[in-house]
Amino acid sequence: MEPIGPQTDHPDTAAPHAPDPWLARLGRPVDPDLPRTEPDPTAVEELRTILRKSLAKSLSRRGVSDADLDDFAQEATVRVLSRLDNFRGDSRFTTWAISVATRVALTHLRTRQWQARGQDVDADDYLGTRADPDAQRPDQTLEKHAVLEALRRAIHERLTEKQRSALLAELGGAPTHVVAERLGMTRGALYKLTHDARKRLKEALESAGYTDGDVSRALNGASHN
C-alpha cells in the first residue's frame, strides 16, 4: 500500500546543504578534486564592497579614514581569496568573510595604537595605572596596593628581561606579531615565553598568599561584594 501524504526524505538520506554560490564565483569548485579556477572579477569587487561597508559600520567610532577602509578591505579580500579552503560552511560565506576582514582591521589598529603609545612598557608605569583608589573603600585600596606591589616585585625579581619585555608588551595591548617581530621570535616561541613568565608570576604570588582572583580584581579594578 502506498503511503498517504507528502513524501519527505529520511534524515539519513536528506540532501546536504547546497554549497554557497560565492565559492564557485570566487574560484573554488564544488568538487574538491577539481582544480581552482580564476575568480570572477565582478564577484571579487562585490566582495570587497561588502567588506568595506561592513568595516565602515563597525569602525565608525574609531576615527578610521576612507583610505584606511580601502586598504583594510583590499587586504581582507586578498586574504579571503587565499583562504577559501578554510570556509567550512558553518555560516554564510559573507559572515565568515566579514569576520576575516574585522580581524585584519583590528590587528592594524592595535599595531598603530601600540606604535603611537610607545613600545617600551615599564612595570611600575603599567601597574601604576591600575592603582587608582577612586571609589574604593580604604580597606580595598590597601589590599589592592598590596597585590600590585607583590606583582611588581615578582615581575622585577622572578622574570628574565625578555620575559618581562614580552609580558608587559602583551599586557599593554601590543599585537602578538609585533611583539614577536620586535623580540626576533616566532609566535610559538613567544607563546612559550609568556606562558613560562605567567607561571613564574603565579608561583611567586601564591607563595605570597595571593590567588588569581586577587590579582584579577587588582588589575581590573573590581571591588569585593
Protein backbone atom coordinates (compact mmCIF):
# COMPACT_ATOMS: atom_id res chain seq x y z
CA MET A 1 0.00 0.00 0.00
CA GLU A 2 1.34 3.39 -0.95
CA PRO A 3 1.93 5.77 1.97
CA ILE A 4 -0.59 8.60 2.27
CA GLY A 5 0.53 12.21 2.47
CA PRO A 6 3.53 14.14 1.19
CA GLN A 7 6.78 12.32 0.80
CA THR A 8 9.78 13.51 2.84
CA ASP A 9 13.40 12.48 2.74
CA HIS A 10 14.64 10.28 5.55
CA PRO A 11 17.01 12.28 7.80
CA ASP A 12 19.85 9.93 6.97
CA THR A 13 19.39 10.39 3.24
CA ALA A 14 18.49 14.08 3.09
CA ALA A 15 20.44 16.09 0.59
CA PRO A 16 23.26 18.15 2.09
CA HIS A 17 23.08 21.94 2.12
CA ALA A 18 23.83 23.43 -1.25
CA PRO A 19 27.29 25.00 -1.44
CA ASP A 20 27.39 28.76 -1.07
CA PRO A 21 27.30 30.29 -4.58
CA TRP A 22 30.08 32.69 -3.60
CA LEU A 23 32.58 29.83 -3.64
CA ALA A 24 32.18 28.97 -7.31
CA ARG A 25 32.20 32.65 -8.26
CA LEU A 26 35.48 33.11 -6.40
CA GLY A 27 37.12 30.08 -7.99
CA ARG A 28 36.57 27.24 -5.52
CA PRO A 29 34.81 24.36 -7.31
CA VAL A 30 32.12 22.30 -5.60
CA ASP A 31 34.13 19.14 -6.25
CA PRO A 32 37.31 19.38 -4.11
CA ASP A 33 39.12 17.14 -6.60
CA LEU A 34 38.78 19.72 -9.34
CA PRO A 35 41.41 22.44 -9.73
CA ARG A 36 40.74 26.01 -8.65
CA THR A 37 39.65 28.44 -11.32
CA GLU A 38 40.23 32.14 -11.72
CA PRO A 39 37.80 34.17 -9.59
CA ASP A 40 35.15 36.24 -11.32
CA PRO A 41 36.39 39.88 -11.17
CA THR A 42 32.84 41.11 -10.63
CA ALA A 43 32.43 38.80 -7.64
CA VAL A 44 35.76 39.95 -6.20
CA GLU A 45 34.71 43.59 -6.44
CA GLU A 46 31.30 42.80 -4.91
CA LEU A 47 33.03 41.06 -2.01
CA ARG A 48 35.42 43.96 -1.47
CA THR A 49 32.48 46.38 -1.42
CA ILE A 50 30.61 44.27 1.13
CA LEU A 51 33.67 44.07 3.37
CA ARG A 52 34.31 47.81 3.15
CA LYS A 53 30.71 48.66 4.03
CA SER A 54 30.80 46.30 7.00
CA LEU A 55 34.08 47.75 8.26
CA ALA A 56 32.84 51.31 7.80
CA LYS A 57 29.88 50.50 10.04
CA SER A 58 31.74 48.54 12.72
CA LEU A 59 34.65 51.01 12.89
CA SER A 60 32.57 54.19 12.66
CA ARG A 61 33.64 55.34 16.13
CA ARG A 62 37.31 54.54 15.67
CA GLY A 63 38.18 57.54 13.53
CA VAL A 64 39.23 55.36 10.60
CA SER A 65 39.83 57.23 7.35
CA ASP A 66 38.41 56.31 3.95
CA ALA A 67 41.91 55.40 2.83
CA ASP A 68 42.26 53.03 5.77
CA LEU A 69 38.93 51.40 4.96
CA ASP A 70 40.04 50.91 1.36
CA ASP A 71 43.32 49.34 2.49
CA PHE A 72 41.68 47.09 5.10
CA ALA A 73 39.01 45.91 2.66
CA GLN A 74 41.56 45.22 -0.07
CA GLU A 75 43.85 43.25 2.24
CA ALA A 76 40.89 41.33 3.65
CA THR A 77 39.66 40.45 0.16
CA VAL A 78 43.06 39.06 -0.77
CA ARG A 79 43.19 37.09 2.47
CA VAL A 80 39.71 35.64 1.95
CA LEU A 81 40.60 34.55 -1.58
CA SER A 82 43.76 32.85 -0.34
CA ARG A 83 41.85 31.01 2.39
CA LEU A 84 38.73 29.84 0.60
CA ASP A 85 39.52 26.26 1.58
CA ASN A 86 39.18 27.28 5.24
CA PHE A 87 35.49 28.08 4.79
CA ARG A 88 33.54 25.11 6.17
CA GLY A 89 30.01 26.31 5.59
CA ASP A 90 29.08 26.67 9.27
CA SER A 91 27.77 30.17 8.50
CA ARG A 92 27.03 32.26 5.45
CA PHE A 93 30.10 32.94 3.38
CA THR A 94 29.78 36.70 3.77
CA THR A 95 29.56 36.31 7.57
CA TRP A 96 32.82 34.37 7.55
CA ALA A 97 34.48 36.84 5.17
CA ILE A 98 33.43 39.80 7.34
CA SER A 99 34.98 38.11 10.40
CA VAL A 100 38.25 37.80 8.47
CA ALA A 101 38.07 41.48 7.50
CA THR A 102 37.39 42.51 11.09
CA ARG A 103 40.48 40.67 12.31
CA VAL A 104 42.59 42.32 9.61
CA ALA A 105 41.38 45.80 10.56
CA LEU A 106 41.68 45.35 14.32
CA THR A 107 45.21 43.99 14.00
CA HIS A 108 46.26 47.08 12.05
CA LEU A 109 44.55 49.41 14.53
CA ARG A 110 46.13 47.72 17.56
CA THR A 111 49.55 47.89 15.93
CA ARG A 112 49.07 51.58 15.16
CA GLN A 113 47.88 52.31 18.69
CA TRP A 114 50.83 50.44 20.17
CA GLN A 115 53.33 52.28 18.00
CA ALA A 116 51.79 55.66 18.82
CA ARG A 117 51.86 54.97 22.54
CA GLY A 118 55.48 53.89 22.53
CA GLN A 119 56.92 50.42 22.53
CA ASP A 120 58.56 50.36 25.95
CA VAL A 121 56.22 49.48 28.81
CA ASP A 122 57.58 49.72 32.34
CA ALA A 123 56.16 47.54 35.10
CA ASP A 124 55.90 50.47 37.50
CA ASP A 125 54.10 52.61 34.93
CA TYR A 126 51.73 49.82 33.90
CA LEU A 127 50.81 48.83 37.45
CA GLY A 128 50.57 52.48 38.45
CA THR A 129 47.69 52.94 36.03
CA ARG A 130 45.85 50.18 37.92
CA ALA A 131 46.34 51.74 41.35
CA ASP A 132 43.69 54.49 41.17
CA PRO A 133 41.93 54.45 44.53
CA ASP A 134 38.82 56.32 43.36
CA ALA A 135 35.54 54.78 44.51
CA GLN A 136 37.40 52.24 46.65
CA ARG A 137 36.91 51.73 50.37
CA PRO A 138 40.16 52.25 52.39
CA ASP A 139 40.49 48.53 53.16
CA GLN A 140 40.05 47.64 49.50
CA THR A 141 42.56 50.29 48.45
CA LEU A 142 45.20 48.93 50.83
CA GLU A 143 44.58 45.37 49.65
CA LYS A 144 44.77 46.39 46.02
CA HIS A 145 48.06 48.24 46.53
CA ALA A 146 49.49 45.23 48.37
CA VAL A 147 48.61 42.89 45.50
CA LEU A 148 50.03 45.27 42.89
CA GLU A 149 53.22 45.69 44.90
CA ALA A 150 53.63 41.91 45.13
CA LEU A 151 53.07 41.65 41.38
CA ARG A 152 55.55 44.46 40.65
CA ARG A 153 58.17 42.78 42.81
CA ALA A 154 57.59 39.41 41.15
CA ILE A 155 57.90 40.94 37.67
CA HIS A 156 61.24 42.54 38.57
CA GLU A 157 62.69 39.64 40.56
CA ARG A 158 61.31 36.45 39.00
CA LEU A 159 61.31 37.16 35.27
CA THR A 160 64.13 37.38 32.77
CA GLU A 161 64.50 40.61 30.82
CA LYS A 162 62.99 39.04 27.71
CA GLN A 163 60.08 37.55 29.67
CA ARG A 164 59.46 40.92 31.27
CA SER A 165 59.50 42.74 27.91
CA ALA A 166 57.17 40.25 26.25
CA LEU A 167 54.66 40.04 29.08
CA LEU A 168 54.45 43.79 29.67
CA ALA A 169 54.06 44.43 25.95
CA GLU A 170 51.24 41.89 25.86
CA LEU A 171 49.55 43.45 28.89
CA GLY A 172 49.98 46.85 27.29
CA GLY A 173 47.94 45.76 24.27
CA ALA A 174 50.66 45.06 21.71
CA PRO A 175 49.62 42.64 18.93
CA THR A 176 51.35 39.27 19.12
CA HIS A 177 53.04 39.58 15.74
CA VAL A 178 54.50 42.97 16.68
CA VAL A 179 55.99 41.65 19.93
CA ALA A 180 57.36 38.55 18.19
CA GLU A 181 58.99 40.65 15.46
CA ARG A 182 60.46 43.08 17.97
CA LEU A 183 62.00 40.27 20.04
CA GLY A 184 63.13 38.31 16.98
CA MET A 185 60.99 35.28 17.85
CA THR A 186 58.36 33.12 16.23
CA ARG A 187 54.83 33.33 17.59
CA GLY A 188 55.19 29.84 19.01
CA ALA A 189 58.36 30.77 20.88
CA LEU A 190 56.71 33.95 22.15
CA TYR A 191 53.72 31.99 23.42
CA LYS A 192 56.02 29.66 25.37
CA LEU A 193 57.98 32.63 26.72
CA THR A 194 54.90 34.41 28.08
CA HIS A 195 53.40 31.13 29.31
CA ASP A 196 56.52 30.45 31.37
CA ALA A 197 56.52 34.06 32.61
CA ARG A 198 52.91 33.80 33.80
CA LYS A 199 53.71 30.52 35.51
CA ARG A 200 56.60 32.12 37.42
CA LEU A 201 54.43 35.05 38.47
CA LYS A 202 51.66 32.74 39.63
CA GLU A 203 54.09 30.74 41.76
CA ALA A 204 55.54 33.91 43.29
CA LEU A 205 52.12 35.36 44.09
CA GLU A 206 50.82 32.10 45.52
CA SER A 207 53.85 31.90 47.80
CA ALA A 208 52.96 35.43 48.97
CA GLY A 209 49.40 34.29 49.73
CA TYR A 210 47.55 35.75 46.75
CA THR A 211 45.17 33.96 44.38
CA ASP A 212 44.42 34.51 40.69
CA GLY A 213 41.20 36.22 41.78
CA ASP A 214 43.11 38.70 43.95
CA VAL A 215 45.33 39.67 41.04
CA SER A 216 42.42 39.90 38.59
CA ARG A 217 40.48 42.20 40.91
CA ALA A 218 43.53 44.41 41.45
CA LEU A 219 44.28 44.72 37.73
CA ASN A 220 40.69 45.21 36.64
CA GLY A 221 39.66 47.48 39.48
CA ALA A 222 36.80 45.20 40.51
CA SER A 223 35.59 45.57 44.06
CA HIS A 224 34.56 42.92 46.51
CA ASN A 225 30.91 42.32 47.20
